[in-house]
Amino acid sequence: MENYDTEFIQIVKEGDILVSGYNFGTGSSREQAATALKAKGIQCLLAGSFSETYKRNAINNGFLVIELPELVDYFKEIFGNSKLTVETNFKGKINFETSTLTLLEDGKEFSFSPVGKIAQDMIVCGGLENWINNQKE
């Protein structure tokens, strides 16, 4: 992310949820694009859209990514786009049964496409390799 914003590393902390724009991960087919954020301690990544390769690499490595274009647009309205990385201090609750994210500050709710069972299982067990090993047991 240093090429994108040199302040990113000072702003983002372990446990954060990262919200990004559109076409996240386009141009990168390496797993490190997903695993570096996971290793930094990012809980999950929400974006307007992802490259399909990035999504697959993230899920295969047990890193949750969710497309939420309405959330991205909402944050752009609130925070603008003058800074590349903004610490919002917003808190959210993700409900996988209803496929919604609710912002705790204002109660605004956003829907997303359901995360499939196998993808959920891979994320919970830490990635594809662990998922495969668990299938053998």
C-alpha atoms as a PDB file:
ATOM      1  CA  MET A   1       0.000   0.000   0.000  1.00  0.00           C
ATOM      2  CA  GLU A   2       3.052   2.262   0.284  1.00  0.00           C
ATOM      3  CA  ASN A   3       2.905   3.013  -3.443  1.00  0.00           C
ATOM      4  CA  TYR A   4      -0.697   4.118  -2.965  1.00  0.00           C
ATOM      5  CA  ASP A   5      -0.327   6.203   0.205  1.00  0.00           C
ATOM      6  CA  THR A   6       2.846   6.644   2.234  1.00  0.00           C
ATOM      7  CA  GLU A   7       0.716   7.495   5.321  1.00  0.00           C
ATOM      8  CA  PHE A   8      -1.214   4.207   5.150  1.00  0.00           C
ATOM      9  CA  ILE A   9       1.119   2.269   7.453  1.00  0.00           C
ATOM     10  CA  GLN A  10       0.866   4.925  10.189  1.00  0.00           C
ATOM     11  CA  ILE A  11      -2.942   5.126  10.027  1.00  0.00           C
ATOM     12  CA  VAL A  12      -3.991   1.484   9.765  1.00  0.00           C
ATOM     13  CA  LYS A  13      -3.864  -0.629  12.922  1.00  0.00           C
ATOM     14  CA  GLU A  14      -4.274  -4.281  13.735  1.00  0.00           C
ATOM     15  CA  GLY A  15      -7.960  -5.122  14.067  1.00  0.00           C
ATOM     16  CA  ASP A  16      -9.112  -2.482  11.568  1.00  0.00           C
ATOM     17  CA  ILE A  17     -11.569  -3.156   8.788  1.00  0.00           C
ATOM     18  CA  LEU A  18     -10.340  -1.622   5.562  1.00  0.00           C
ATOM     19  CA  VAL A  19     -12.848   0.025   3.214  1.00  0.00           C
ATOM     20  CA  SER A  20     -11.576   0.734  -0.266  1.00  0.00           C
ATOM     21  CA  GLY A  21     -12.904   1.944  -3.596  1.00  0.00           C
ATOM     22  CA  TYR A  22     -13.595   0.092  -6.805  1.00  0.00           C
ATOM     23  CA  ASN A  23     -11.581  -2.526  -8.704  1.00  0.00           C
ATOM     24  CA  PHE A  24      -9.451  -3.315  -5.663  1.00  0.00           C
ATOM     25  CA  GLY A  25      -6.601  -5.671  -6.491  1.00  0.00           C
ATOM     26  CA  THR A  26      -6.723  -5.099 -10.233  1.00  0.00           C
ATOM     27  CA  GLY A  27      -3.296  -5.625 -11.744  1.00  0.00           C
ATOM     28  CA  SER A  28      -2.008  -7.895  -8.998  1.00  0.00           C
ATOM     29  CA  SER A  29      -2.246 -11.650  -9.378  1.00  0.00           C
ATOM     30  CA  ARG A  30       0.071 -12.469  -6.475  1.00  0.00           C
ATOM     31  CA  GLU A  31      -1.229 -13.862  -3.216  1.00  0.00           C
ATOM     32  CA  GLN A  32       0.854 -11.326  -1.283  1.00  0.00           C
ATOM     33  CA  ALA A  33      -1.638  -8.604  -2.211  1.00  0.00           C
ATOM     34  CA  ALA A  34      -4.149 -10.327   0.073  1.00  0.00           C
ATOM     35  CA  THR A  35      -1.827 -11.938   2.601  1.00  0.00           C
ATOM     36  CA  ALA A  36       0.051  -8.704   3.367  1.00  0.00           C
ATOM     37  CA  LEU A  37      -3.157  -7.036   4.601  1.00  0.00           C
ATOM     38  CA  LYS A  38      -4.079 -10.149   6.576  1.00  0.00           C
ATOM     39  CA  ALA A  39      -0.576 -10.230   8.116  1.00  0.00           C
ATOM     40  CA  LYS A  40      -0.982  -6.557   9.091  1.00  0.00           C
ATOM     41  CA  GLY A  41      -3.977  -7.632  11.166  1.00  0.00           C
ATOM     42  CA  ILE A  42      -6.732  -6.224   8.968  1.00  0.00           C
ATOM     43  CA  GLN A  43      -9.915  -8.138   9.935  1.00  0.00           C
ATOM     44  CA  CYS A  44     -11.515  -7.926   6.517  1.00  0.00           C
ATOM     45  CA  LEU A  45     -11.604  -5.793   3.410  1.00  0.00           C
ATOM     46  CA  LEU A  46     -14.742  -4.095   2.119  1.00  0.00           C
ATOM     47  CA  ALA A  47     -14.688  -2.481  -1.322  1.00  0.00           C
ATOM     48  CA  GLY A  48     -16.932  -1.307  -4.109  1.00  0.00           C
ATOM     49  CA  SER A  49     -15.606  -4.151  -6.260  1.00  0.00           C
ATOM     50  CA  PHE A  50     -12.611  -6.474  -6.511  1.00  0.00           C
ATOM     51  CA  SER A  51     -10.723  -8.126  -9.291  1.00  0.00           C
ATOM     52  CA  GLU A  52     -11.805 -11.770  -9.408  1.00  0.00           C
ATOM     53  CA  THR A  53      -8.183 -12.887  -8.985  1.00  0.00           C
ATOM     54  CA  TYR A  54      -7.818 -10.822  -5.815  1.00  0.00           C
ATOM     55  CA  LYS A  55     -11.060 -12.234  -4.366  1.00  0.00           C
ATOM     56  CA  ARG A  56      -9.981 -15.802  -5.048  1.00  0.00           C
ATOM     57  CA  ASN A  57      -6.508 -15.231  -3.567  1.00  0.00           C
ATOM     58  CA  ALA A  58      -8.028 -13.619  -0.469  1.00  0.00           C
ATOM     59  CA  ILE A  59     -10.522 -16.422   0.169  1.00  0.00           C
ATOM     60  CA  ASN A  60      -7.905 -19.092  -0.547  1.00  0.00           C
ATOM     61  CA  ASN A  61      -5.786 -17.498   2.184  1.00  0.00           C
ATOM     62  CA  GLY A  62      -8.603 -17.140   4.707  1.00  0.00           C
ATOM     63  CA  PHE A  63      -9.018 -13.375   4.259  1.00  0.00           C
ATOM     64  CA  LEU A  64     -12.597 -12.088   4.119  1.00  0.00           C
ATOM     65  CA  VAL A  65     -13.479  -9.660   1.325  1.00  0.00           C
ATOM     66  CA  ILE A  66     -16.978  -8.285   0.721  1.00  0.00           C
ATOM     67  CA  GLU A  67     -18.246  -6.048  -2.078  1.00  0.00           C
ATOM     68  CA  LEU A  68     -20.259  -3.145  -0.637  1.00  0.00           C
ATOM     69  CA  PRO A  69     -20.470  -0.383  -3.265  1.00  0.00           C
ATOM     70  CA  GLU A  70     -23.193   1.521  -1.364  1.00  0.00           C
ATOM     71  CA  LEU A  71     -20.947   1.723   1.729  1.00  0.00           C
ATOM     72  CA  VAL A  72     -18.056   3.025  -0.377  1.00  0.00           C
ATOM     73  CA  ASP A  73     -20.286   5.707  -1.914  1.00  0.00           C
ATOM     74  CA  TYR A  74     -21.678   6.618   1.524  1.00  0.00           C
ATOM     75  CA  PHE A  75     -18.188   7.070   2.966  1.00  0.00           C
ATOM     76  CA  LYS A  76     -17.171   9.179  -0.055  1.00  0.00           C
ATOM     77  CA  GLU A  77     -20.110  11.487   0.708  1.00  0.00           C
ATOM     78  CA  ILE A  78     -19.076  11.796   4.356  1.00  0.00           C
ATOM     79  CA  PHE A  79     -15.281  11.923   4.057  1.00  0.00           C
ATOM     80  CA  GLY A  80     -14.763  13.154   0.513  1.00  0.00           C
ATOM     81  CA  ASN A  81     -11.735  12.061  -1.446  1.00  0.00           C
ATOM     82  CA  SER A  82      -9.114  14.680  -0.631  1.00  0.00           C
ATOM     83  CA  LYS A  83      -7.084  12.210   1.480  1.00  0.00           C
ATOM     84  CA  LEU A  84      -6.114   8.760   0.279  1.00  0.00           C
ATOM     85  CA  THR A  85      -6.375   7.064   3.690  1.00  0.00           C
ATOM     86  CA  VAL A  86      -8.836   8.223   6.348  1.00  0.00           C
ATOM     87  CA  GLU A  87      -9.346   6.842   9.833  1.00  0.00           C
ATOM     88  CA  THR A  88     -13.129   6.949  10.241  1.00  0.00           C
ATOM     89  CA  ASN A  89     -13.472   5.519  13.768  1.00  0.00           C
ATOM     90  CA  PHE A  90     -16.750   3.989  12.567  1.00  0.00           C
ATOM     91  CA  LYS A  91     -17.732   0.619  13.974  1.00  0.00           C
ATOM     92  CA  GLY A  92     -19.841  -1.890  12.131  1.00  0.00           C
ATOM     93  CA  LYS A  93     -21.593  -5.176  12.675  1.00  0.00           C
ATOM     94  CA  ILE A  94     -21.662  -7.792   9.929  1.00  0.00           C
ATOM     95  CA  ASN A  95     -24.583 -10.212   9.976  1.00  0.00           C
ATOM     96  CA  PHE A  96     -23.848 -13.175   7.719  1.00  0.00           C
ATOM     97  CA  GLU A  97     -27.340 -14.643   8.124  1.00  0.00           C
ATOM     98  CA  THR A  98     -28.946 -11.543   6.594  1.00  0.00           C
ATOM     99  CA  SER A  99     -25.906 -10.494   4.497  1.00  0.00           C
ATOM    100  CA  THR A 100     -25.924  -6.988   5.937  1.00  0.00           C
ATOM    101  CA  LEU A 101     -23.475  -4.594   7.509  1.00  0.00           C
ATOM    102  CA  THR A 102     -24.829  -2.069  10.003  1.00  0.00           C
ATOM    103  CA  LEU A 103     -22.885   1.016  11.043  1.00  0.00           C
ATOM    104  CA  LEU A 104     -23.225   1.356  14.797  1.00  0.00           C
ATOM    105  CA  GLU A 105     -22.837   5.152  14.753  1.00  0.00           C
ATOM    106  CA  ASP A 106     -25.955   5.892  12.726  1.00  0.00           C
ATOM    107  CA  GLY A 107     -27.712   2.541  12.239  1.00  0.00           C
ATOM    108  CA  LYS A 108     -27.349   2.740   8.455  1.00  0.00           C
ATOM    109  CA  GLU A 109     -27.568  -0.728   6.936  1.00  0.00           C
ATOM    110  CA  PHE A 110     -25.948  -2.026   3.752  1.00  0.00           C
ATOM    111  CA  SER A 111     -26.666  -5.311   1.964  1.00  0.00           C
ATOM    112  CA  PHE A 112     -24.127  -7.520   0.249  1.00  0.00           C
ATOM    113  CA  SER A 113     -24.166 -10.778  -1.689  1.00  0.00           C
ATOM    114  CA  PRO A 114     -24.105 -13.791   0.628  1.00  0.00           C
ATOM    115  CA  VAL A 115     -20.734 -15.356   1.359  1.00  0.00           C
ATOM    116  CA  GLY A 116     -20.993 -18.994   0.277  1.00  0.00           C
ATOM    117  CA  LYS A 117     -20.639 -21.831   2.767  1.00  0.00           C
ATOM    118  CA  ILE A 118     -17.343 -23.129   1.386  1.00  0.00           C
ATOM    119  CA  ALA A 119     -15.872 -19.611   1.314  1.00  0.00           C
ATOM    120  CA  GLN A 120     -17.032 -19.108   4.910  1.00  0.00           C
ATOM    121  CA  ASP A 121     -15.473 -22.426   5.914  1.00  0.00           C
ATOM    122  CA  MET A 122     -12.170 -21.498   4.241  1.00  0.00           C
ATOM    123  CA  ILE A 123     -12.092 -18.134   6.013  1.00  0.00           C
ATOM    124  CA  VAL A 124     -12.916 -19.667   9.401  1.00  0.00           C
ATOM    125  CA  CYS A 125     -10.238 -22.367   9.130  1.00  0.00           C
ATOM    126  CA  GLY A 126      -7.571 -19.998   7.798  1.00  0.00           C
ATOM    127  CA  GLY A 127      -7.486 -20.767   4.098  1.00  0.00           C
ATOM    128  CA  LEU A 128      -7.738 -23.405   1.412  1.00  0.00           C
ATOM    129  CA  GLU A 129      -4.842 -25.559   2.612  1.00  0.00           C
ATOM    130  CA  ASN A 130      -6.332 -25.858   6.108  1.00  0.00           C
ATOM    131  CA  TRP A 131      -9.801 -26.447   4.633  1.00  0.00           C
ATOM    132  CA  ILE A 132      -8.492 -29.334   2.506  1.00  0.00           C
ATOM    133  CA  ASN A 133      -6.656 -30.820   5.479  1.00  0.00           C
ATOM    134  CA  ASN A 134      -9.858 -30.596   7.553  1.00  0.00           C
ATOM    135  CA  GLN A 135     -11.771 -32.513   4.842  1.00  0.00           C
ATOM    136  CA  LYS A 136      -9.418 -35.478   5.300  1.00  0.00           C
ATOM    137  CA  GLU A 137     -10.257 -35.789   9.011  1.00  0.00           C
END
